[in-house]
Amino acid sequence: MAFESTHAAMASEAALGAAHAHAAMIPTPRAISAGCGMSMRFDAEDDAAAGMLARVCVDARGLSALYREMSKTEFELLEKL
């Protein structure tokens, strides 16, 4: 997930960290343009599961986007949240 605001990133870290132990805040990869420069990486079984996990972050609605990592330098936008 990439965030447009630091507030959305920090709120999502708290919400998703409680729901998913393997979530970590990282600098936003250069291939993704996002406002605040913070992103969250987490593992999910598939795109649907990733979307469900991302929706736990209610404070990030309208301020985040969900991406799938295709390679270390390529990312695919799944949805704007």
PDB file of N, CA and C in Angstrom:
ATOM      1  N   MET A   1       0.847  -1.171   0.000  1.00  0.00           N
ATOM      2  CA  MET A   1       0.000   0.000   0.000  1.00  0.00           C
ATOM      3  C   MET A   1       0.887   1.227   0.000  1.00  0.00           C
ATOM      4  N   ALA A   2       0.530   2.195  -0.806  1.00  0.00           N
ATOM      5  CA  ALA A   2       1.219   3.472  -0.833  1.00  0.00           C
ATOM      6  C   ALA A   2       0.242   4.531  -0.318  1.00  0.00           C
ATOM      7  N   PHE A   3       0.751   5.510   0.390  1.00  0.00           N
ATOM      8  CA  PHE A   3      -0.097   6.490   1.071  1.00  0.00           C
ATOM      9  C   PHE A   3       0.138   7.900   0.578  1.00  0.00           C
ATOM     10  N   GLU A   4      -0.904   8.709   0.635  1.00  0.00           N
ATOM     11  CA  GLU A   4      -0.832  10.123   0.271  1.00  0.00           C
ATOM     12  C   GLU A   4      -0.536  11.004   1.472  1.00  0.00           C
ATOM     13  N   SER A   5      -0.684  10.477   2.684  1.00  0.00           N
ATOM     14  CA  SER A   5      -0.399  11.280   3.875  1.00  0.00           C
ATOM     15  C   SER A   5       0.271  10.417   4.943  1.00  0.00           C
ATOM     16  N   THR A   6       1.099  11.062   5.728  1.00  0.00           N
ATOM     17  CA  THR A   6       1.775  10.367   6.824  1.00  0.00           C
ATOM     18  C   THR A   6       0.763   9.871   7.842  1.00  0.00           C
ATOM     19  N   HIS A   7      -0.287  10.663   8.098  1.00  0.00           N
ATOM     20  CA  HIS A   7      -1.327  10.251   9.048  1.00  0.00           C
ATOM     21  C   HIS A   7      -1.966   8.931   8.605  1.00  0.00           C
ATOM     22  N   ALA A   8      -2.302   8.827   7.323  1.00  0.00           N
ATOM     23  CA  ALA A   8      -2.909   7.589   6.809  1.00  0.00           C
ATOM     24  C   ALA A   8      -1.944   6.418   6.943  1.00  0.00           C
ATOM     25  N   ALA A   9      -0.669   6.659   6.695  1.00  0.00           N
ATOM     26  CA  ALA A   9       0.331   5.595   6.813  1.00  0.00           C
ATOM     27  C   ALA A   9       0.453   5.110   8.254  1.00  0.00           C
ATOM     28  N   MET A  10       0.544   6.026   9.195  1.00  0.00           N
ATOM     29  CA  MET A  10       0.716   5.644  10.597  1.00  0.00           C
ATOM     30  C   MET A  10      -0.546   4.959  11.142  1.00  0.00           C
ATOM     31  N   ALA A  11      -1.717   5.458  10.775  1.00  0.00           N
ATOM     32  CA  ALA A  11      -2.967   4.833  11.218  1.00  0.00           C
ATOM     33  C   ALA A  11      -3.094   3.430  10.636  1.00  0.00           C
ATOM     34  N   SER A  12      -2.672   3.265   9.400  1.00  0.00           N
ATOM     35  CA  SER A  12      -2.730   1.956   8.760  1.00  0.00           C
ATOM     36  C   SER A  12      -1.740   0.994   9.387  1.00  0.00           C
ATOM     37  N   GLU A  13      -0.591   1.498   9.761  1.00  0.00           N
ATOM     38  CA  GLU A  13       0.398   0.645  10.431  1.00  0.00           C
ATOM     39  C   GLU A  13      -0.184   0.087  11.720  1.00  0.00           C
ATOM     40  N   ALA A  14      -0.885   0.924  12.474  1.00  0.00           N
ATOM     41  CA  ALA A  14      -1.496   0.458  13.724  1.00  0.00           C
ATOM     42  C   ALA A  14      -2.619  -0.544  13.446  1.00  0.00           C
ATOM     43  N   ALA A  15      -3.477  -0.237  12.483  1.00  0.00           N
ATOM     44  CA  ALA A  15      -4.618  -1.102  12.184  1.00  0.00           C
ATOM     45  C   ALA A  15      -4.179  -2.426  11.570  1.00  0.00           C
ATOM     46  N   LEU A  16      -3.321  -2.370  10.575  1.00  0.00           N
ATOM     47  CA  LEU A  16      -2.927  -3.586   9.887  1.00  0.00           C
ATOM     48  C   LEU A  16      -1.910  -4.372  10.688  1.00  0.00           C
ATOM     49  N   GLY A  17      -1.084  -3.695  11.438  1.00  0.00           N
ATOM     50  CA  GLY A  17      -0.115  -4.382  12.291  1.00  0.00           C
ATOM     51  C   GLY A  17      -0.798  -5.273  13.309  1.00  0.00           C
ATOM     52  N   ALA A  18      -1.951  -4.824  13.805  1.00  0.00           N
ATOM     53  CA  ALA A  18      -2.704  -5.628  14.767  1.00  0.00           C
ATOM     54  C   ALA A  18      -3.374  -6.821  14.079  1.00  0.00           C
ATOM     55  N   ALA A  19      -3.771  -6.646  12.816  1.00  0.00           N
ATOM     56  CA  ALA A  19      -4.476  -7.703  12.106  1.00  0.00           C
ATOM     57  C   ALA A  19      -3.540  -8.653  11.350  1.00  0.00           C
ATOM     58  N   HIS A  20      -2.334  -8.186  11.045  1.00  0.00           N
ATOM     59  CA  HIS A  20      -1.437  -8.969  10.189  1.00  0.00           C
ATOM     60  C   HIS A  20      -0.003  -8.758  10.674  1.00  0.00           C
ATOM     61  N   ALA A  21       0.556  -9.748  11.284  1.00  0.00           N
ATOM     62  CA  ALA A  21       1.860  -9.624  11.928  1.00  0.00           C
ATOM     63  C   ALA A  21       2.998  -9.375  10.950  1.00  0.00           C
ATOM     64  N   HIS A  22       2.832  -9.684   9.689  1.00  0.00           N
ATOM     65  CA  HIS A  22       3.922  -9.558   8.727  1.00  0.00           C
ATOM     66  C   HIS A  22       3.842  -8.260   7.921  1.00  0.00           C
ATOM     67  N   ALA A  23       3.252  -7.219   8.476  1.00  0.00           N
ATOM     68  CA  ALA A  23       3.188  -5.920   7.819  1.00  0.00           C
ATOM     69  C   ALA A  23       4.376  -5.080   8.261  1.00  0.00           C
ATOM     70  N   ALA A  24       4.965  -4.329   7.312  1.00  0.00           N
ATOM     71  CA  ALA A  24       6.118  -3.489   7.635  1.00  0.00           C
ATOM     72  C   ALA A  24       6.059  -2.197   6.838  1.00  0.00           C
ATOM     73  N   MET A  25       6.403  -1.093   7.480  1.00  0.00           N
ATOM     74  CA  MET A  25       6.491   0.192   6.797  1.00  0.00           C
ATOM     75  C   MET A  25       7.821   0.243   6.061  1.00  0.00           C
ATOM     76  N   ILE A  26       7.777   0.743   4.821  1.00  0.00           N
ATOM     77  CA  ILE A  26       8.972   0.865   3.991  1.00  0.00           C
ATOM     78  C   ILE A  26       8.906   2.193   3.234  1.00  0.00           C
ATOM     79  N   PRO A  27      10.039   2.675   2.735  1.00  0.00           N
ATOM     80  CA  PRO A  27       9.984   3.833   1.838  1.00  0.00           C
ATOM     81  C   PRO A  27       9.246   3.427   0.557  1.00  0.00           C
ATOM     82  N   THR A  28       8.476   4.329  -0.005  1.00  0.00           N
ATOM     83  CA  THR A  28       7.752   4.017  -1.237  1.00  0.00           C
ATOM     84  C   THR A  28       8.744   3.765  -2.362  1.00  0.00           C
ATOM     85  N   PRO A  29       8.607   2.644  -3.059  1.00  0.00           N
ATOM     86  CA  PRO A  29       9.506   2.362  -4.186  1.00  0.00           C
ATOM     87  C   PRO A  29       9.437   3.471  -5.239  1.00  0.00           C
ATOM     88  N   ARG A  30      10.523   3.722  -5.908  1.00  0.00           N
ATOM     89  CA  ARG A  30      10.591   4.801  -6.903  1.00  0.00           C
ATOM     90  C   ARG A  30       9.608   4.613  -8.048  1.00  0.00           C
ATOM     91  N   ALA A  31       9.259   3.374  -8.353  1.00  0.00           N
ATOM     92  CA  ALA A  31       8.336   3.102  -9.455  1.00  0.00           C
ATOM     93  C   ALA A  31       6.905   3.519  -9.131  1.00  0.00           C
ATOM     94  N   ILE A  32       6.625   3.826  -7.883  1.00  0.00           N
ATOM     95  CA  ILE A  32       5.291   4.233  -7.439  1.00  0.00           C
ATOM     96  C   ILE A  32       5.366   5.684  -7.016  1.00  0.00           C
ATOM     97  N   SER A  33       4.439   6.492  -7.512  1.00  0.00           N
ATOM     98  CA  SER A  33       4.406   7.884  -7.054  1.00  0.00           C
ATOM     99  C   SER A  33       3.286   8.015  -6.031  1.00  0.00           C
ATOM    100  N   ALA A  34       3.660   8.409  -4.830  1.00  0.00           N
ATOM    101  CA  ALA A  34       2.691   8.611  -3.757  1.00  0.00           C
ATOM    102  C   ALA A  34       3.139   9.827  -2.962  1.00  0.00           C
ATOM    103  N   GLY A  35       2.182  10.518  -2.370  1.00  0.00           N
ATOM    104  CA  GLY A  35       2.437  11.788  -1.730  1.00  0.00           C
ATOM    105  C   GLY A  35       3.424  11.817  -0.590  1.00  0.00           C
ATOM    106  N   CYS A  36       3.326  10.908   0.354  1.00  0.00           N
ATOM    107  CA  CYS A  36       4.131  11.061   1.572  1.00  0.00           C
ATOM    108  C   CYS A  36       5.429  10.268   1.563  1.00  0.00           C
ATOM    109  N   GLY A  37       5.621   9.368   0.622  1.00  0.00           N
ATOM    110  CA  GLY A  37       6.863   8.613   0.561  1.00  0.00           C
ATOM    111  C   GLY A  37       6.905   7.400   1.465  1.00  0.00           C
ATOM    112  N   MET A  38       5.781   7.091   2.136  1.00  0.00           N
ATOM    113  CA  MET A  38       5.724   5.913   3.002  1.00  0.00           C
ATOM    114  C   MET A  38       4.778   4.883   2.394  1.00  0.00           C
ATOM    115  N   SER A  39       5.164   3.640   2.500  1.00  0.00           N
ATOM    116  CA  SER A  39       4.335   2.531   2.025  1.00  0.00           C
ATOM    117  C   SER A  39       4.359   1.421   3.057  1.00  0.00           C
ATOM    118  N   MET A  40       3.424   0.506   2.910  1.00  0.00           N
ATOM    119  CA  MET A  40       3.380  -0.657   3.782  1.00  0.00           C
ATOM    120  C   MET A  40       3.442  -1.902   2.915  1.00  0.00           C
ATOM    121  N   ARG A  41       4.321  -2.804   3.271  1.00  0.00           N
ATOM    122  CA  ARG A  41       4.440  -4.080   2.560  1.00  0.00           C
ATOM    123  C   ARG A  41       3.844  -5.161   3.452  1.00  0.00           C
ATOM    124  N   PHE A  42       3.018  -6.015   2.855  1.00  0.00           N
ATOM    125  CA  PHE A  42       2.485  -7.166   3.579  1.00  0.00           C
ATOM    126  C   PHE A  42       2.226  -8.287   2.600  1.00  0.00           C
ATOM    127  N   ASP A  43       2.221  -9.487   3.102  1.00  0.00           N
ATOM    128  CA  ASP A  43       1.960 -10.675   2.292  1.00  0.00           C
ATOM    129  C   ASP A  43       0.481 -11.010   2.353  1.00  0.00           C
ATOM    130  N   ALA A  44      -0.040 -11.504   1.239  1.00  0.00           N
ATOM    131  CA  ALA A  44      -1.424 -11.974   1.182  1.00  0.00           C
ATOM    132  C   ALA A  44      -1.484 -13.157   0.216  1.00  0.00           C
ATOM    133  N   GLU A  45      -2.444 -14.024   0.425  1.00  0.00           N
ATOM    134  CA  GLU A  45      -2.580 -15.214  -0.414  1.00  0.00           C
ATOM    135  C   GLU A  45      -2.869 -14.867  -1.863  1.00  0.00           C
ATOM    136  N   ASP A  46      -3.697 -13.833  -2.082  1.00  0.00           N
ATOM    137  CA  ASP A  46      -4.058 -13.420  -3.431  1.00  0.00           C
ATOM    138  C   ASP A  46      -4.527 -11.969  -3.392  1.00  0.00           C
ATOM    139  N   ASP A  47      -4.928 -11.439  -4.545  1.00  0.00           N
ATOM    140  CA  ASP A  47      -5.342 -10.036  -4.629  1.00  0.00           C
ATOM    141  C   ASP A  47      -6.575  -9.744  -3.770  1.00  0.00           C
ATOM    142  N   ALA A  48      -7.509 -10.677  -3.727  1.00  0.00           N
ATOM    143  CA  ALA A  48      -8.716 -10.480  -2.923  1.00  0.00           C
ATOM    144  C   ALA A  48      -8.366 -10.391  -1.442  1.00  0.00           C
ATOM    145  N   ALA A  49      -7.489 -11.256  -0.986  1.00  0.00           N
ATOM    146  CA  ALA A  49      -7.065 -11.225   0.418  1.00  0.00           C
ATOM    147  C   ALA A  49      -6.315  -9.929   0.724  1.00  0.00           C
ATOM    148  N   ALA A  50      -5.490  -9.468  -0.215  1.00  0.00           N
ATOM    149  CA  ALA A  50      -4.769  -8.207  -0.024  1.00  0.00           C
ATOM    150  C   ALA A  50      -5.757  -7.045   0.094  1.00  0.00           C
ATOM    151  N   GLY A  51      -6.780  -7.048  -0.741  1.00  0.00           N
ATOM    152  CA  GLY A  51      -7.802  -6.004  -0.677  1.00  0.00           C
ATOM    153  C   GLY A  51      -8.544  -6.003   0.651  1.00  0.00           C
ATOM    154  N   MET A  52      -8.849  -7.194   1.156  1.00  0.00           N
ATOM    155  CA  MET A  52      -9.532  -7.288   2.454  1.00  0.00           C
ATOM    156  C   MET A  52      -8.642  -6.748   3.572  1.00  0.00           C
ATOM    157  N   LEU A  53      -7.365  -7.083   3.540  1.00  0.00           N
ATOM    158  CA  LEU A  53      -6.441  -6.574   4.550  1.00  0.00           C
ATOM    159  C   LEU A  53      -6.309  -5.057   4.447  1.00  0.00           C
ATOM    160  N   ALA A  54      -6.211  -4.548   3.239  1.00  0.00           N
ATOM    161  CA  ALA A  54      -6.063  -3.101   3.054  1.00  0.00           C
ATOM    162  C   ALA A  54      -7.281  -2.345   3.549  1.00  0.00           C
ATOM    163  N   ARG A  55      -8.470  -2.931   3.433  1.00  0.00           N
ATOM    164  CA  ARG A  55      -9.693  -2.250   3.876  1.00  0.00           C
ATOM    165  C   ARG A  55      -9.819  -2.178   5.398  1.00  0.00           C
ATOM    166  N   VAL A  56      -8.967  -2.909   6.121  1.00  0.00           N
ATOM    167  CA  VAL A  56      -8.921  -2.796   7.584  1.00  0.00           C
ATOM    168  C   VAL A  56      -8.466  -1.389   7.967  1.00  0.00           C
ATOM    169  N   CYS A  57      -7.743  -0.754   7.095  1.00  0.00           N
ATOM    170  CA  CYS A  57      -7.153   0.567   7.345  1.00  0.00           C
ATOM    171  C   CYS A  57      -8.158   1.663   6.986  1.00  0.00           C
ATOM    172  N   VAL A  58      -9.177   1.850   7.812  1.00  0.00           N
ATOM    173  CA  VAL A  58     -10.256   2.791   7.502  1.00  0.00           C
ATOM    174  C   VAL A  58      -9.772   4.234   7.421  1.00  0.00           C
ATOM    175  N   ASP A  59      -8.735   4.608   8.166  1.00  0.00           N
ATOM    176  CA  ASP A  59      -8.240   5.979   8.123  1.00  0.00           C
ATOM    177  C   ASP A  59      -7.471   6.286   6.842  1.00  0.00           C
ATOM    178  N   ALA A  60      -7.225   5.289   6.016  1.00  0.00           N
ATOM    179  CA  ALA A  60      -6.501   5.499   4.764  1.00  0.00           C
ATOM    180  C   ALA A  60      -7.437   5.581   3.560  1.00  0.00           C
ATOM    181  N   ARG A  61      -8.732   5.497   3.782  1.00  0.00           N
ATOM    182  CA  ARG A  61      -9.676   5.560   2.664  1.00  0.00           C
ATOM    183  C   ARG A  61      -9.535   6.894   1.945  1.00  0.00           C
ATOM    184  N   GLY A  62      -9.392   6.810   0.634  1.00  0.00           N
ATOM    185  CA  GLY A  62      -9.203   7.997  -0.185  1.00  0.00           C
ATOM    186  C   GLY A  62      -7.777   8.521  -0.167  1.00  0.00           C
ATOM    187  N   LEU A  63      -6.906   7.910   0.638  1.00  0.00           N
ATOM    188  CA  LEU A  63      -5.534   8.385   0.776  1.00  0.00           C
ATOM    189  C   LEU A  63      -4.506   7.288   0.526  1.00  0.00           C
ATOM    190  N   SER A  64      -4.924   6.207  -0.114  1.00  0.00           N
ATOM    191  CA  SER A  64      -3.981   5.108  -0.339  1.00  0.00           C
ATOM    192  C   SER A  64      -4.323   4.346  -1.611  1.00  0.00           C
ATOM    193  N   ALA A  65      -3.377   3.548  -2.035  1.00  0.00           N
ATOM    194  CA  ALA A  65      -3.566   2.691  -3.205  1.00  0.00           C
ATOM    195  C   ALA A  65      -2.880   1.360  -2.925  1.00  0.00           C
ATOM    196  N   LEU A  66      -3.462   0.308  -3.452  1.00  0.00           N
ATOM    197  CA  LEU A  66      -2.943  -1.039  -3.255  1.00  0.00           C
ATOM    198  C   LEU A  66      -2.243  -1.495  -4.533  1.00  0.00           C
ATOM    199  N   TYR A  67      -1.013  -1.971  -4.386  1.00  0.00           N
ATOM    200  CA  TYR A  67      -0.207  -2.417  -5.510  1.00  0.00           C
ATOM    201  C   TYR A  67       0.221  -3.865  -5.313  1.00  0.00           C
ATOM    202  N   ARG A  68       0.451  -4.550  -6.426  1.00  0.00           N
ATOM    203  CA  ARG A  68       1.052  -5.880  -6.416  1.00  0.00           C
ATOM    204  C   ARG A  68       2.479  -5.720  -6.927  1.00  0.00           C
ATOM    205  N   GLU A  69       3.433  -6.310  -6.215  1.00  0.00           N
ATOM    206  CA  GLU A  69       4.825  -6.264  -6.649  1.00  0.00           C
ATOM    207  C   GLU A  69       5.042  -7.325  -7.714  1.00  0.00           C
ATOM    208  N   MET A  70       5.405  -6.891  -8.912  1.00  0.00           N
ATOM    209  CA  MET A  70       5.649  -7.802 -10.020  1.00  0.00           C
ATOM    210  C   MET A  70       7.125  -8.223 -10.043  1.00  0.00           C
ATOM    211  N   SER A  71       7.992  -7.291  -9.722  1.00  0.00           N
ATOM    212  CA  SER A  71       9.431  -7.526  -9.597  1.00  0.00           C
ATOM    213  C   SER A  71       9.962  -6.432  -8.680  1.00  0.00           C
ATOM    214  N   LYS A  72      11.252  -6.382  -8.471  1.00  0.00           N
ATOM    215  CA  LYS A  72      11.796  -5.369  -7.561  1.00  0.00           C
ATOM    216  C   LYS A  72      11.594  -3.947  -8.063  1.00  0.00           C
ATOM    217  N   THR A  73      11.360  -3.775  -9.364  1.00  0.00           N
ATOM    218  CA  THR A  73      11.200  -2.442  -9.934  1.00  0.00           C
ATOM    219  C   THR A  73       9.854  -2.228 -10.624  1.00  0.00           C
ATOM    220  N   GLU A  74       8.997  -3.236 -10.622  1.00  0.00           N
ATOM    221  CA  GLU A  74       7.697  -3.133 -11.294  1.00  0.00           C
ATOM    222  C   GLU A  74       6.561  -3.424 -10.321  1.00  0.00           C
ATOM    223  N   PHE A  75       5.547  -2.565 -10.371  1.00  0.00           N
ATOM    224  CA  PHE A  75       4.383  -2.707  -9.499  1.00  0.00           C
ATOM    225  C   PHE A  75       3.132  -2.483 -10.330  1.00  0.00           C
ATOM    226  N   GLU A  76       2.083  -3.220 -10.016  1.00  0.00           N
ATOM    227  CA  GLU A  76       0.811  -3.094 -10.710  1.00  0.00           C
ATOM    228  C   GLU A  76      -0.219  -2.531  -9.732  1.00  0.00           C
ATOM    229  N   LEU A  77      -0.897  -1.461 -10.143  1.00  0.00           N
ATOM    230  CA  LEU A  77      -1.948  -0.877  -9.322  1.00  0.00           C
ATOM    231  C   LEU A  77      -3.137  -1.835  -9.309  1.00  0.00           C
ATOM    232  N   LEU A  78      -3.550  -2.271  -8.131  1.00  0.00           N
ATOM    233  CA  LEU A  78      -4.731  -3.123  -8.006  1.00  0.00           C
ATOM    234  C   LEU A  78      -5.986  -2.289  -7.817  1.00  0.00           C
ATOM    235  N   GLU A  79      -5.914  -1.309  -6.909  1.00  0.00           N
ATOM    236  CA  GLU A  79      -7.051  -0.419  -6.704  1.00  0.00           C
ATOM    237  C   GLU A  79      -6.673   0.763  -5.842  1.00  0.00           C
ATOM    238  N   LYS A  80      -7.388   1.856  -6.041  1.00  0.00           N
ATOM    239  CA  LYS A  80      -7.266   3.010  -5.171  1.00  0.00           C
ATOM    240  C   LYS A  80      -8.264   2.796  -4.056  1.00  0.00           C
ATOM    241  N   LEU A  81      -7.824   3.035  -2.832  1.00  0.00           N
ATOM    242  CA  LEU A  81      -8.676   2.761  -1.681  1.00  0.00           C
ATOM    243  C   LEU A  81      -9.243   4.035  -1.101  1.00  0.00           C
TER     244      LEU A  81
END
